[in-house]
Amino acid sequence: MSLLSASLTETDEIIQFQSNNSKEAMIQIAVICTYNRTKMICRALENLVSRGLYGQDPKEHRQRAGGKGLHIQYAGRPVKLETQRLRRREEQDSNPYKFSIIIPTRNRCNILHQTIASVRSQSFPANAYEIIVVDNASTDGTHTLVERLNKDGGLSIHYMYEHRLGLHWARHAGAHAAKGEILAYIDDDAIAEPNWLEEIYRAYTELNADAAGGKILIQWDFQPPEWILEYEGILGWIDYGPEMRILKPGEYINGSNFSIRRDKLFQIGGFNPDQVEDLLIGDGETGLCKKMHTAGWRIAWVPTSVVWHSQSVARHATLRNLKRRFANNGVVAAYDRYRRYTPRTPWLLKWTAGALLRYFIYKFLYKLQAARRKVIGSRESDYWCELSAAHCRAEALYYLQLARDINFRKIVAHQDWLNSPPSDKENFWCETHDRL
């Protein structure tokens, strides 16, 4: 005898549930949507429990029902629904939005309003997505800005505060708070095209993607010097061509135009550690993409989903800024190499020596170029050696930190930063930021 049986009328207007224990009872529940019957069945099971007609704990009831199966008759034909199917449908129904747009921010209230305005004016149905601004310990008027914008009658903005410094903490805080099926991340200095969400959604409906990203173009506030244009890739520019497709291993999407199914993000352990202030600690969304490629998941490229990355000529089109970004890439290289091989201290010291050797070679070559420029004139494109030296120096310092600090190694080797972050995370990041 089944634990619980149900009969559905052919008109789908009423579901009748009959308990098969000693306290037989008949409960009728109106069906709100014809396609949503399994949700009503789950609620009816809990209704029986709450009235004392079957067991005491809804979870216990579902486990018991899942063991033998839940037997249902529809239009006179038996149908068997397992507990896993009921749970999957219930999880889907618990997401009232298709998208949750997450904007991590820190001390950029002067330009954040542009990002918010762009995501508020999407062509995607306004009732199908939510906007979450995650304030990562800002000291400016970020909170005041969001409060003011929420009073202007536009799409509501959910504000939340994350005190732990780091882009990954802000991204994960947004993921925990999100109610959407798909998480869409955009930086606080970016502007989305009006069809951004609409085009990204195509990847999930047409390609059955697990994650998707689109084109990022650089928007300068003034005409930049010509020499900086060849370095736009280091500033966030990305373009894999005009065709929507599934990316190959080794191809990644950038965090300023990054989306992923919420359940998939939790399943794979979230983003790797990322940027703290201006310093990069790990490989962030690149590491997440690597994990997804290793798992065989589908990452889609959507060229028609466009985001503009705002850059200032005075601040970003400088050698100093590029050196910082190349140094960050050196950190990413060291972080990834250590996680792949997890060597002992002697090998870490060898890696440090190798990176330092490359550093001095690049510095020597740069001095040769500087001497040549005195003869033939200035050529900013020759900065490549200086930038490569910054990359090698940061890589060497990262290896040296790994060699002398066993706790640092444990943190770098940590896999899941979303569901089970390290316990000493806050002090670690502050101390590491100061040392590096």
Protein backbone atom coordinates (compact mmCIF):
# COMPACT_ATOMS: atom_id res chain seq x y z
CA MET A 1 0.00 0.00 0.00
CA SER A 2 1.38 3.42 -0.88
CA LEU A 3 2.08 5.96 1.80
CA LEU A 4 -0.13 8.54 0.17
CA SER A 5 -2.34 8.53 -2.89
CA ALA A 6 -3.82 11.39 -4.86
CA SER A 7 -6.41 11.75 -7.58
CA LEU A 8 -6.39 14.67 -10.00
CA THR A 9 -9.53 15.65 -11.83
CA GLU A 10 -9.31 15.93 -15.61
CA THR A 11 -10.09 19.64 -15.44
CA ASP A 12 -7.06 20.21 -13.16
CA GLU A 13 -9.19 22.46 -10.95
CA ILE A 14 -9.13 20.33 -7.81
CA ILE A 15 -6.56 17.95 -6.34
CA GLN A 16 -7.81 15.43 -3.78
CA PHE A 17 -5.41 13.77 -1.33
CA GLN A 18 -6.24 10.63 0.65
CA SER A 19 -4.03 9.57 3.56
CA ASN A 20 -3.69 5.82 4.08
CA ASN A 21 -2.96 5.73 7.80
CA SER A 22 -5.42 5.20 10.62
CA LYS A 23 -6.69 8.79 10.42
CA GLU A 24 -8.11 8.94 6.94
CA ALA A 25 -8.93 12.41 5.75
CA MET A 26 -9.81 14.11 2.48
CA ILE A 27 -8.28 17.50 1.68
CA GLN A 28 -9.14 19.56 -1.36
CA ILE A 29 -6.80 22.25 -2.60
CA ALA A 30 -7.51 24.60 -5.49
CA VAL A 31 -4.82 24.48 -8.17
CA ILE A 32 -3.50 27.94 -8.97
CA CYS A 33 -1.73 27.00 -12.21
CA THR A 34 -2.32 23.86 -14.25
CA TYR A 35 1.41 23.45 -14.94
CA ASN A 36 2.30 23.73 -11.25
CA ARG A 37 0.69 20.57 -9.86
CA THR A 38 3.79 19.19 -8.19
CA LYS A 39 4.16 22.32 -6.09
CA MET A 40 0.60 21.88 -4.82
CA ILE A 41 1.31 18.24 -4.04
CA CYS A 42 4.29 19.25 -1.88
CA ARG A 43 2.17 21.79 -0.05
CA ALA A 44 -0.60 19.24 0.45
CA LEU A 45 1.86 16.79 2.01
CA GLU A 46 2.90 19.48 4.48
CA ASN A 47 -0.76 20.30 5.09
CA LEU A 48 -1.43 16.72 6.08
CA VAL A 49 1.52 16.78 8.46
CA SER A 50 0.54 20.09 10.01
CA ARG A 51 -2.92 18.71 10.77
CA GLY A 52 -1.43 15.64 12.45
CA LEU A 53 -2.73 13.27 9.80
CA TYR A 54 0.64 11.85 8.84
CA GLY A 55 3.78 12.03 10.96
CA GLN A 56 5.21 15.15 12.56
CA ASP A 57 8.07 16.42 10.36
CA PRO A 58 7.55 17.41 6.71
CA LYS A 59 11.17 16.51 5.89
CA GLU A 60 10.74 13.11 7.57
CA HIS A 61 7.53 12.63 5.61
CA ARG A 62 9.21 13.36 2.32
CA GLN A 63 12.06 11.00 3.09
CA ARG A 64 9.61 8.24 3.90
CA ALA A 65 7.54 9.00 0.83
CA GLY A 66 10.67 9.07 -1.32
CA GLY A 67 11.65 5.61 -0.18
CA LYS A 68 8.57 3.90 -1.61
CA GLY A 69 7.48 6.56 -4.04
CA LEU A 70 4.45 8.83 -4.16
CA HIS A 71 1.65 7.26 -6.20
CA ILE A 72 -0.67 9.61 -8.08
CA GLN A 73 -3.55 8.95 -10.43
CA TYR A 74 -4.18 11.47 -13.18
CA ALA A 75 -7.19 11.03 -15.49
CA GLY A 76 -7.46 7.44 -14.34
CA ARG A 77 -3.81 6.60 -15.07
CA PRO A 78 -1.20 5.94 -12.36
CA VAL A 79 1.75 8.33 -12.22
CA LYS A 80 4.76 7.95 -9.93
CA LEU A 81 6.66 11.06 -8.80
CA GLU A 82 9.86 10.57 -6.81
CA THR A 83 10.83 12.95 -4.03
CA GLN A 84 13.80 14.25 -6.07
CA ARG A 85 11.47 15.44 -8.82
CA LEU A 86 9.22 17.14 -6.32
CA ARG A 87 12.18 18.88 -4.72
CA ARG A 88 13.54 20.06 -8.07
CA ARG A 89 10.21 21.60 -9.05
CA GLU A 90 9.87 23.16 -5.62
CA GLU A 91 13.33 24.76 -5.96
CA GLN A 92 12.37 26.17 -9.33
CA ASP A 93 9.18 27.63 -7.92
CA SER A 94 11.12 29.25 -5.06
CA ASN A 95 12.94 31.52 -7.57
CA PRO A 96 10.51 34.36 -8.38
CA TYR A 97 12.97 35.97 -10.83
CA LYS A 98 14.80 34.75 -13.91
CA PHE A 99 17.77 37.01 -13.15
CA SER A 100 19.40 38.56 -10.13
CA ILE A 101 21.68 41.40 -11.22
CA ILE A 102 24.50 41.74 -8.68
CA ILE A 103 26.64 44.89 -8.54
CA PRO A 104 29.56 44.68 -6.10
CA THR A 105 30.84 48.17 -5.29
CA ARG A 106 33.34 50.01 -3.13
CA ASN A 107 33.70 53.79 -2.97
CA ARG A 108 32.39 54.54 -6.44
CA CYS A 109 29.13 56.32 -5.75
CA ASN A 110 30.20 59.00 -8.24
CA ILE A 111 29.76 56.56 -11.15
CA LEU A 112 27.64 53.78 -9.61
CA HIS A 113 24.45 55.62 -10.55
CA GLN A 114 25.31 55.11 -14.24
CA THR A 115 25.56 51.35 -13.77
CA ILE A 116 22.28 51.22 -11.87
CA ALA A 117 20.53 53.33 -14.50
CA SER A 118 21.66 50.98 -17.26
CA VAL A 119 20.42 47.82 -15.53
CA ARG A 120 17.14 49.48 -14.56
CA SER A 121 16.32 50.24 -18.20
CA GLN A 122 16.70 46.73 -19.60
CA SER A 123 14.41 45.46 -22.35
CA PHE A 124 13.97 42.27 -20.30
CA PRO A 125 10.64 42.25 -18.38
CA ALA A 126 11.07 44.35 -15.25
CA ASN A 127 9.18 41.83 -13.08
CA ALA A 128 11.54 39.04 -14.16
CA TYR A 129 14.72 40.36 -12.55
CA GLU A 130 15.97 42.00 -9.37
CA ILE A 131 18.88 44.36 -8.71
CA ILE A 132 21.24 43.81 -5.77
CA VAL A 133 23.93 46.35 -4.83
CA VAL A 134 26.55 44.86 -2.50
CA ASP A 135 28.42 47.60 -0.65
CA ASN A 136 31.89 46.23 0.12
CA ALA A 137 32.71 48.42 3.13
CA SER A 138 32.46 51.72 1.27
CA THR A 139 33.33 54.91 3.09
CA ASP A 140 31.61 57.27 0.65
CA GLY A 141 27.90 57.89 0.12
CA THR A 142 27.02 54.57 -1.53
CA HIS A 143 24.21 53.76 0.89
CA THR A 144 22.77 57.26 0.61
CA LEU A 145 22.87 57.03 -3.18
CA VAL A 146 20.90 53.77 -3.23
CA GLU A 147 18.34 55.16 -0.78
CA ARG A 148 17.86 58.23 -2.98
CA LEU A 149 17.48 56.14 -6.14
CA ASN A 150 14.90 53.93 -4.44
CA LYS A 151 12.72 57.00 -3.92
CA ASP A 152 12.61 58.02 -7.60
CA GLY A 153 9.95 55.49 -8.60
CA GLY A 154 12.21 53.25 -10.67
CA LEU A 155 12.87 49.54 -10.28
CA SER A 156 13.61 48.75 -6.64
CA ILE A 157 17.24 48.22 -5.62
CA HIS A 158 18.13 45.79 -2.85
CA TYR A 159 21.06 47.18 -0.81
CA MET A 160 23.27 44.99 1.34
CA TYR A 161 26.52 45.64 3.22
CA GLU A 162 29.52 43.27 3.17
CA HIS A 163 32.23 44.25 5.67
CA ARG A 164 34.86 41.72 4.51
CA LEU A 165 37.10 43.42 1.95
CA GLY A 166 37.36 41.54 -1.33
CA LEU A 167 35.45 41.28 -4.59
CA HIS A 168 34.77 37.58 -4.03
CA TRP A 169 33.12 38.29 -0.66
CA ALA A 170 30.83 40.85 -2.28
CA ARG A 171 29.98 38.53 -5.17
CA HIS A 172 29.18 35.67 -2.82
CA ALA A 173 27.11 37.85 -0.50
CA GLY A 174 25.01 38.79 -3.51
CA ALA A 175 24.65 35.14 -4.49
CA HIS A 176 23.39 34.21 -1.02
CA ALA A 177 20.80 37.00 -1.08
CA ALA A 178 19.70 36.46 -4.69
CA LYS A 179 16.25 35.08 -5.52
CA GLY A 180 16.85 34.68 -9.25
CA GLU A 181 17.48 31.51 -11.19
CA ILE A 182 20.47 33.11 -12.97
CA LEU A 183 23.01 35.46 -11.41
CA ALA A 184 24.22 38.29 -13.68
CA TYR A 185 27.32 40.13 -12.43
CA ILE A 186 28.38 43.57 -13.61
CA ASP A 187 31.07 45.89 -12.24
CA ASP A 188 30.26 49.22 -10.63
CA ASP A 189 32.15 51.10 -13.36
CA ALA A 190 30.34 49.44 -16.27
CA ILE A 191 27.30 50.35 -18.34
CA ALA A 192 25.06 47.65 -19.86
CA GLU A 193 23.35 47.97 -23.21
CA PRO A 194 19.51 47.94 -22.96
CA ASN A 195 19.31 44.40 -24.42
CA TRP A 196 22.07 43.01 -22.18
CA LEU A 197 19.88 40.62 -20.17
CA GLU A 198 17.66 39.73 -23.11
CA GLU A 199 20.65 38.59 -25.16
CA ILE A 200 22.31 36.73 -22.28
CA TYR A 201 19.07 34.82 -21.69
CA ARG A 202 19.35 33.38 -25.20
CA ALA A 203 22.41 31.39 -24.12
CA TYR A 204 20.36 29.61 -21.47
CA THR A 205 17.34 28.93 -23.67
CA GLU A 206 19.05 28.16 -26.98
CA LEU A 207 22.38 26.63 -25.88
CA ASN A 208 21.34 25.24 -22.47
CA ALA A 209 24.36 27.02 -20.97
CA ASP A 210 25.51 26.71 -17.37
CA ALA A 211 27.20 30.12 -17.54
CA ALA A 212 27.42 32.88 -20.12
CA GLY A 213 29.20 36.13 -20.79
CA GLY A 214 29.36 38.76 -23.46
CA LYS A 215 31.41 41.46 -25.09
CA ILE A 216 33.13 44.14 -23.01
CA LEU A 217 34.18 47.35 -24.74
CA ILE A 218 36.22 50.19 -23.29
CA GLN A 219 34.51 53.56 -22.91
CA TRP A 220 37.09 56.33 -22.40
CA ASP A 221 36.13 59.66 -20.89
CA PHE A 222 38.51 61.41 -23.34
CA GLN A 223 40.43 60.39 -26.42
CA PRO A 224 43.17 58.05 -25.14
CA PRO A 225 46.77 58.06 -26.40
CA GLU A 226 47.26 55.67 -29.28
CA TRP A 227 49.83 53.52 -27.50
CA ILE A 228 47.34 52.41 -24.80
CA LEU A 229 44.96 50.84 -27.31
CA GLU A 230 47.06 47.69 -27.70
CA TYR A 231 46.70 47.14 -23.93
CA GLU A 232 42.89 47.40 -23.77
CA GLY A 233 42.73 43.65 -23.18
CA ILE A 234 44.41 44.15 -19.82
CA LEU A 235 41.79 46.80 -19.02
CA GLY A 236 38.90 44.36 -19.45
CA TRP A 237 38.19 44.41 -23.19
CA ILE A 238 37.04 41.03 -24.53
CA ASP A 239 35.67 39.89 -27.90
CA TYR A 240 35.61 36.31 -29.15
CA GLY A 241 33.91 37.15 -32.43
CA PRO A 242 30.37 37.61 -33.78
CA GLU A 243 29.03 34.06 -33.31
CA MET A 244 27.19 32.86 -30.21
CA ARG A 245 28.82 29.59 -29.20
CA ILE A 246 30.10 27.41 -26.37
CA LEU A 247 33.60 28.42 -25.30
CA LYS A 248 36.51 26.01 -25.54
CA PRO A 249 38.83 25.20 -22.61
CA GLY A 250 41.25 28.08 -22.25
CA GLU A 251 38.60 30.65 -23.18
CA TYR A 252 37.12 32.63 -20.29
CA ILE A 253 34.51 35.31 -19.69
CA ASN A 254 35.22 38.46 -17.68
CA GLY A 255 33.59 39.35 -14.38
CA SER A 256 32.07 42.60 -15.58
CA ASN A 257 29.77 40.69 -17.96
CA PHE A 258 29.40 37.34 -16.24
CA SER A 259 26.34 35.21 -15.59
CA ILE A 260 25.84 31.75 -14.12
CA ARG A 261 22.97 29.60 -12.91
CA ARG A 262 22.67 30.14 -9.17
CA ASP A 263 22.54 26.44 -8.30
CA LYS A 264 25.63 25.82 -10.44
CA LEU A 265 27.61 28.51 -8.62
CA PHE A 266 26.87 26.88 -5.28
CA GLN A 267 27.56 23.43 -6.67
CA ILE A 268 31.07 24.33 -7.86
CA GLY A 269 32.07 26.38 -4.82
CA GLY A 270 31.81 29.93 -6.12
CA PHE A 271 34.45 32.36 -7.32
CA ASN A 272 38.08 31.99 -6.40
CA PRO A 273 39.54 34.79 -4.23
CA ASP A 274 39.88 37.98 -6.19
CA GLN A 275 40.68 41.63 -5.74
CA VAL A 276 41.18 43.37 -2.40
CA GLU A 277 41.39 47.13 -2.96
CA ASP A 278 43.73 47.46 -5.97
CA LEU A 279 45.58 44.21 -5.24
CA LEU A 280 44.68 40.85 -6.75
CA ILE A 281 45.03 37.81 -4.45
CA GLY A 282 43.76 34.99 -6.70
CA ASP A 283 42.29 34.33 -10.13
CA GLY A 284 38.63 35.21 -9.42
CA GLU A 285 36.26 34.51 -12.32
CA THR A 286 39.10 33.06 -14.41
CA GLY A 287 39.54 30.35 -11.79
CA LEU A 288 35.79 29.78 -11.73
CA CYS A 289 35.80 29.34 -15.51
CA LYS A 290 38.66 26.85 -15.22
CA LYS A 291 36.69 24.84 -12.68
CA MET A 292 33.65 24.84 -14.96
CA HIS A 293 35.72 23.72 -17.96
CA THR A 294 37.22 20.90 -15.87
CA ALA A 295 33.72 19.83 -14.83
CA GLY A 296 32.61 19.76 -18.47
CA TRP A 297 30.06 22.55 -18.03
CA ARG A 298 28.87 24.73 -20.88
CA ILE A 299 30.10 28.34 -20.87
CA ALA A 300 28.48 30.39 -23.62
CA TRP A 301 29.83 33.40 -25.50
CA VAL A 302 27.11 35.92 -26.39
CA PRO A 303 28.58 38.72 -28.55
CA THR A 304 25.31 40.65 -28.71
CA SER A 305 25.26 41.07 -24.91
CA VAL A 306 27.43 44.17 -24.57
CA VAL A 307 28.80 46.01 -21.55
CA TRP A 308 30.89 49.19 -21.67
CA HIS A 309 33.74 49.43 -19.17
CA SER A 310 34.30 53.06 -18.14
CA GLN A 311 37.95 54.12 -18.05
CA SER A 312 39.58 57.45 -17.27
CA VAL A 313 42.46 58.58 -19.45
CA ALA A 314 44.07 60.44 -16.53
CA ARG A 315 43.96 57.41 -14.22
CA HIS A 316 43.99 54.32 -16.42
CA ALA A 317 45.95 55.27 -19.56
CA THR A 318 49.19 55.44 -17.60
CA LEU A 319 52.26 53.25 -17.26
CA ARG A 320 51.72 53.09 -13.50
CA ASN A 321 48.23 51.64 -13.87
CA LEU A 322 49.37 49.10 -16.44
CA LYS A 323 52.24 47.99 -14.19
CA ARG A 324 49.73 47.36 -11.40
CA ARG A 325 47.55 45.30 -13.71
CA PHE A 326 50.51 43.30 -15.05
CA ALA A 327 51.57 42.69 -11.44
CA ASN A 328 48.07 41.38 -10.74
CA ASN A 329 48.47 38.97 -13.65
CA GLY A 330 51.72 37.79 -12.08
CA VAL A 331 49.79 36.98 -8.92
CA VAL A 332 47.20 35.07 -10.96
CA ALA A 333 49.95 33.03 -12.64
CA ALA A 334 51.57 32.16 -9.29
CA TYR A 335 48.22 31.35 -7.66
CA ASP A 336 47.22 29.03 -10.50
CA ARG A 337 50.62 27.31 -10.68
CA TYR A 338 50.70 26.58 -6.97
CA ARG A 339 47.18 25.14 -6.99
CA ARG A 340 48.05 22.84 -9.89
CA TYR A 341 51.26 21.42 -8.39
CA THR A 342 51.19 22.26 -4.62
CA PRO A 343 55.00 22.02 -4.30
CA ARG A 344 57.04 21.98 -1.11
CA THR A 345 59.24 24.83 0.09
CA PRO A 346 62.40 23.92 -1.95
CA TRP A 347 60.45 24.07 -5.19
CA LEU A 348 58.76 27.31 -4.19
CA LEU A 349 62.19 28.85 -3.62
CA LYS A 350 63.29 27.63 -7.06
CA TRP A 351 60.19 29.20 -8.59
CA THR A 352 61.00 32.43 -6.74
CA ALA A 353 64.53 32.45 -8.12
CA GLY A 354 63.29 31.78 -11.65
CA ALA A 355 60.78 34.63 -11.51
CA LEU A 356 63.42 37.00 -10.12
CA LEU A 357 65.82 36.05 -12.89
CA ARG A 358 63.21 36.90 -15.50
CA TYR A 359 62.53 40.16 -13.64
CA PHE A 360 66.17 41.28 -13.88
CA ILE A 361 66.35 40.29 -17.54
CA TYR A 362 63.32 42.41 -18.38
CA LYS A 363 64.68 45.34 -16.35
CA PHE A 364 67.97 45.13 -18.26
CA LEU A 365 66.17 45.03 -21.61
CA TYR A 366 64.06 48.01 -20.57
CA LYS A 367 67.18 50.03 -19.80
CA LEU A 368 68.53 49.18 -23.23
CA GLN A 369 65.26 50.41 -24.74
CA ALA A 370 65.46 53.60 -22.66
CA ALA A 371 68.93 54.29 -24.00
CA ARG A 372 67.72 53.72 -27.54
CA ARG A 373 64.77 56.09 -27.01
CA LYS A 374 67.20 58.88 -26.11
CA VAL A 375 68.68 58.50 -29.59
CA ILE A 376 65.62 57.84 -31.78
CA GLY A 377 62.90 59.45 -29.67
CA SER A 378 60.19 58.28 -27.26
CA ARG A 379 58.15 55.19 -28.08
CA GLU A 380 55.62 54.29 -25.40
CA SER A 381 54.94 50.93 -27.06
CA ASP A 382 58.37 49.84 -25.82
CA TYR A 383 56.95 49.70 -22.28
CA TRP A 384 56.39 45.97 -22.70
CA CYS A 385 59.64 45.02 -20.94
CA GLU A 386 58.84 47.25 -17.97
CA LEU A 387 55.37 45.75 -17.72
CA SER A 388 56.72 42.20 -17.98
CA ALA A 389 59.19 43.01 -15.20
CA ALA A 390 56.27 44.06 -12.96
CA HIS A 391 54.56 40.73 -13.74
CA CYS A 392 57.67 38.70 -12.79
CA ARG A 393 58.32 40.68 -9.62
CA ALA A 394 54.78 40.11 -8.32
CA GLU A 395 55.01 36.42 -9.23
CA ALA A 396 58.30 36.07 -7.32
CA LEU A 397 56.92 37.82 -4.22
CA TYR A 398 53.87 35.53 -4.25
CA TYR A 399 56.07 32.40 -4.40
CA LEU A 400 58.23 33.77 -1.58
CA GLN A 401 55.16 34.40 0.56
CA LEU A 402 54.01 30.83 -0.07
CA ALA A 403 57.47 29.49 0.84
CA ARG A 404 57.64 31.25 4.22
CA ASP A 405 53.99 31.05 5.35
CA ILE A 406 52.30 27.67 5.68
CA ASN A 407 48.96 29.26 6.58
CA PHE A 408 49.09 31.23 3.34
CA ARG A 409 49.48 27.95 1.45
CA LYS A 410 46.41 26.50 3.13
CA ILE A 411 44.35 29.51 2.19
CA VAL A 412 45.55 29.50 -1.43
CA ALA A 413 44.80 25.78 -1.71
CA HIS A 414 41.28 26.25 -0.33
CA GLN A 415 38.68 25.12 -2.86
CA ASP A 416 35.23 26.33 -1.81
CA TRP A 417 34.96 30.03 -0.99
CA LEU A 418 31.17 30.14 -1.21
CA ASN A 419 29.83 27.31 0.95
CA SER A 420 32.75 26.82 3.37
CA PRO A 421 35.18 29.77 3.40
CA PRO A 422 38.30 29.66 5.61
CA SER A 423 37.64 30.45 9.25
CA ASP A 424 40.44 33.02 9.60
CA LYS A 425 39.51 34.82 6.39
CA GLU A 426 39.27 38.40 7.64
CA ASN A 427 42.63 38.68 9.41
CA PHE A 428 44.29 36.75 6.61
CA TRP A 429 43.26 39.10 3.86
CA CYS A 430 44.22 42.24 5.76
CA GLU A 431 47.66 40.87 6.69
CA THR A 432 48.33 39.50 3.22
CA HIS A 433 47.31 42.78 1.61
CA ASP A 434 49.83 44.64 3.79
CA ARG A 435 52.67 42.19 3.15
CA LEU A 436 52.27 42.02 -0.62
